[in-house]
């Protein structure tokens, strides 16, 4: 059984490499879908196998026989820096992607996408705030309320703000 599992695992990567080679070297533009039909390979499966093969060429996943095609594809479409890190899976435990179920991997990808979107939103908001002219009234109020050296401090603060 183990020998056949290993062969099946290795076949995923070999088929992906060969599909990629055929697409890039042997066919004219637009002929790949027709060719896939002629060899009875589903386009989605072919795309996933090629993605797996290209992402994990020299990786421990390339010899893995315990991870299925869908899980490998989910891991291959994670950002590279997230593939070896442990993640909280929501029930208080942490796992590396290779130990996650397909459902957990999909949820992880949703979380990472939401975090990325929130980070991008905050960056845009910060850029907008940086472009606005600063409101000096709060600064003047702070200076007025401190009464440090009285009038002279307020005078110098006015000069600094005006310039």
Protein backbone atom coordinates (compact mmCIF):
# COMPACT_ATOMS: atom_id res chain seq x y z
CA UNK A 1 0.00 0.00 0.00
CA UNK A 2 2.74 2.44 0.96
CA UNK A 3 4.57 1.85 -2.30
CA UNK A 4 1.44 2.60 -4.32
CA UNK A 5 0.73 5.71 -2.24
CA UNK A 6 4.25 6.95 -2.91
CA UNK A 7 3.86 6.27 -6.64
CA UNK A 8 0.52 8.12 -6.66
CA UNK A 9 2.04 11.08 -4.81
CA UNK A 10 4.95 11.28 -7.20
CA UNK A 11 2.59 10.96 -10.18
CA UNK A 12 0.79 14.18 -9.18
CA UNK A 13 4.01 16.14 -9.63
CA UNK A 14 5.12 14.32 -12.75
CA UNK A 15 1.76 14.79 -14.48
CA UNK A 16 1.81 18.48 -13.52
CA UNK A 17 5.33 18.93 -14.91
CA UNK A 18 4.42 17.19 -18.16
CA UNK A 19 1.20 19.16 -18.60
CA UNK A 20 3.11 22.39 -18.07
CA UNK A 21 5.76 21.32 -20.59
CA UNK A 22 3.13 20.44 -23.23
CA UNK A 23 1.30 23.73 -22.67
CA UNK A 24 4.45 25.84 -22.88
CA UNK A 25 6.39 23.99 -25.61
CA UNK A 26 4.32 21.68 -27.75
CA UNK A 27 1.10 23.54 -28.56
CA UNK A 28 0.17 26.76 -30.28
CA UNK A 29 -1.66 29.40 -28.29
CA UNK A 30 -5.28 28.36 -27.61
CA UNK A 31 -4.83 24.65 -28.36
CA UNK A 32 -4.27 23.46 -24.80
CA UNK A 33 -7.97 23.07 -23.94
CA UNK A 34 -8.58 20.96 -27.05
CA UNK A 35 -5.55 18.84 -26.27
CA UNK A 36 -6.78 18.29 -22.69
CA UNK A 37 -10.11 17.08 -24.05
CA UNK A 38 -8.32 14.66 -26.36
CA UNK A 39 -6.42 13.09 -23.42
CA UNK A 40 -9.52 13.28 -21.17
CA UNK A 41 -8.09 15.54 -18.48
CA UNK A 42 -10.34 18.12 -16.88
CA UNK A 43 -9.07 21.70 -17.33
CA UNK A 44 -9.45 22.52 -13.61
CA UNK A 45 -7.50 19.40 -12.62
CA UNK A 46 -4.78 20.22 -15.17
CA UNK A 47 -4.49 23.78 -13.85
CA UNK A 48 -4.18 22.54 -10.29
CA UNK A 49 -1.61 19.88 -11.13
CA UNK A 50 0.51 22.44 -13.01
CA UNK A 51 0.27 24.88 -10.06
CA UNK A 52 1.30 22.16 -7.62
CA UNK A 53 4.24 21.09 -9.80
CA UNK A 54 5.48 24.65 -10.33
CA UNK A 55 5.18 25.68 -6.65
CA UNK A 56 6.74 22.58 -5.14
CA UNK A 57 9.54 21.60 -7.49
CA UNK A 58 12.21 21.13 -4.81
CA UNK A 59 10.02 20.70 -1.79
CA UNK A 60 9.16 18.15 0.82
CA UNK A 61 5.67 18.10 -0.71
CA UNK A 62 7.08 16.67 -3.93
CA UNK A 63 7.66 13.34 -2.21
CA UNK A 64 4.63 13.45 0.06
CA UNK A 65 2.11 10.71 -0.38
CA UNK A 66 -0.14 11.65 2.53
CA UNK A 67 -1.51 14.88 1.08
CA UNK A 68 -4.21 14.82 -1.58
CA UNK A 69 -4.42 16.93 -4.72
CA UNK A 70 -6.91 19.43 -3.29
CA UNK A 71 -4.87 19.98 -0.12
CA UNK A 72 -1.68 20.36 -2.17
CA UNK A 73 -3.42 22.90 -4.39
CA UNK A 74 -4.67 24.87 -1.37
CA UNK A 75 -1.14 24.94 0.06
CA UNK A 76 0.34 25.87 -3.33
CA UNK A 77 -1.96 28.90 -3.52
CA UNK A 78 -0.98 30.15 -0.05
CA UNK A 79 1.61 32.92 0.07
CA UNK A 80 5.02 31.16 0.30
CA UNK A 81 5.82 32.73 3.68
CA UNK A 82 2.63 31.20 5.15
CA UNK A 83 3.30 27.60 4.08
CA UNK A 84 5.69 26.62 6.88
CA UNK A 85 4.17 28.69 9.70
CA UNK A 86 1.77 27.33 12.30
CA UNK A 87 -1.67 28.93 12.16
CA UNK A 88 -4.52 29.09 14.64
CA UNK A 89 -7.32 26.96 13.21
CA UNK A 90 -10.04 28.49 15.38
CA UNK A 91 -10.48 25.90 18.13
CA UNK A 92 -7.43 27.03 20.08
CA UNK A 93 -5.03 24.66 18.37
CA UNK A 94 -2.36 25.49 15.84
CA UNK A 95 -1.28 23.51 12.80
CA UNK A 96 1.03 23.84 9.86
CA UNK A 97 -0.72 23.81 6.48
CA UNK A 98 0.58 20.32 5.71
CA UNK A 99 -1.34 19.00 8.73
CA UNK A 100 -4.60 20.81 7.97
CA UNK A 101 -7.71 19.47 6.33
CA UNK A 102 -8.89 21.00 3.08
CA UNK A 103 -11.65 22.80 5.01
CA UNK A 104 -9.09 24.26 7.44
CA UNK A 105 -6.86 25.34 4.56
CA UNK A 106 -9.75 27.11 2.84
CA UNK A 107 -10.65 28.88 6.08
CA UNK A 108 -7.01 29.90 6.56
CA UNK A 109 -6.96 31.37 3.06
CA UNK A 110 -10.17 33.32 3.81
CA UNK A 111 -8.62 34.70 7.01
CA UNK A 112 -5.39 35.68 5.27
CA UNK A 113 -7.35 37.40 2.50
CA UNK A 114 -9.45 39.31 5.04
CA UNK A 115 -6.31 40.38 6.92
CA UNK A 116 -4.66 41.50 3.67
CA UNK A 117 -7.76 43.49 2.67
CA UNK A 118 -7.92 45.17 6.09
CA UNK A 119 -4.21 46.00 5.95
CA UNK A 120 -4.62 47.52 2.47
CA UNK A 121 -7.65 49.53 3.65
CA UNK A 122 -5.70 50.90 6.62
CA UNK A 123 -2.74 51.77 4.40
CA UNK A 124 -5.01 53.75 2.07
CA UNK A 125 -6.63 55.47 5.04
CA UNK A 126 -3.18 56.39 6.39
CA UNK A 127 -2.18 57.80 3.00
CA UNK A 128 -5.31 59.97 2.94
CA UNK A 129 -4.63 61.21 6.46
CA UNK A 130 -1.03 62.02 5.57
CA UNK A 131 -2.20 64.12 2.62
CA UNK A 132 -4.53 66.24 4.76
CA UNK A 133 -3.29 69.51 6.20
CA UNK A 134 -2.73 69.10 9.93
CA UNK A 135 -5.18 70.71 12.36
CA UNK A 136 -3.09 73.02 14.55
CA UNK A 137 -5.93 74.04 16.87
CA UNK A 138 -5.41 70.99 19.08
CA UNK A 139 -1.70 71.81 19.28
CA UNK A 140 -2.40 75.43 20.23
CA UNK A 141 -4.89 74.34 22.87
CA UNK A 142 -2.29 72.03 24.35
CA UNK A 143 0.28 74.83 24.39
CA UNK A 144 -2.22 77.29 25.90
CA UNK A 145 -3.24 74.84 28.60
CA UNK A 146 0.33 74.12 29.70
CA UNK A 147 1.14 77.78 30.58
CA UNK A 148 4.83 77.04 30.23
CA UNK A 149 6.65 80.38 30.33
CA UNK A 150 3.34 82.05 29.74
CA UNK A 151 2.94 84.38 26.81
CA UNK A 152 6.39 83.87 25.29
CA UNK A 153 5.76 80.15 24.75
CA UNK A 154 2.45 80.85 22.95
CA UNK A 155 4.17 83.48 20.82
CA UNK A 156 6.94 81.12 19.74
CA UNK A 157 4.44 78.33 19.09
CA UNK A 158 2.48 80.69 16.81
CA UNK A 159 5.65 81.52 14.90
CA UNK A 160 6.52 77.83 14.50
CA UNK A 161 3.04 76.95 13.22
CA UNK A 162 2.91 79.92 10.87
CA UNK A 163 6.19 78.86 9.28
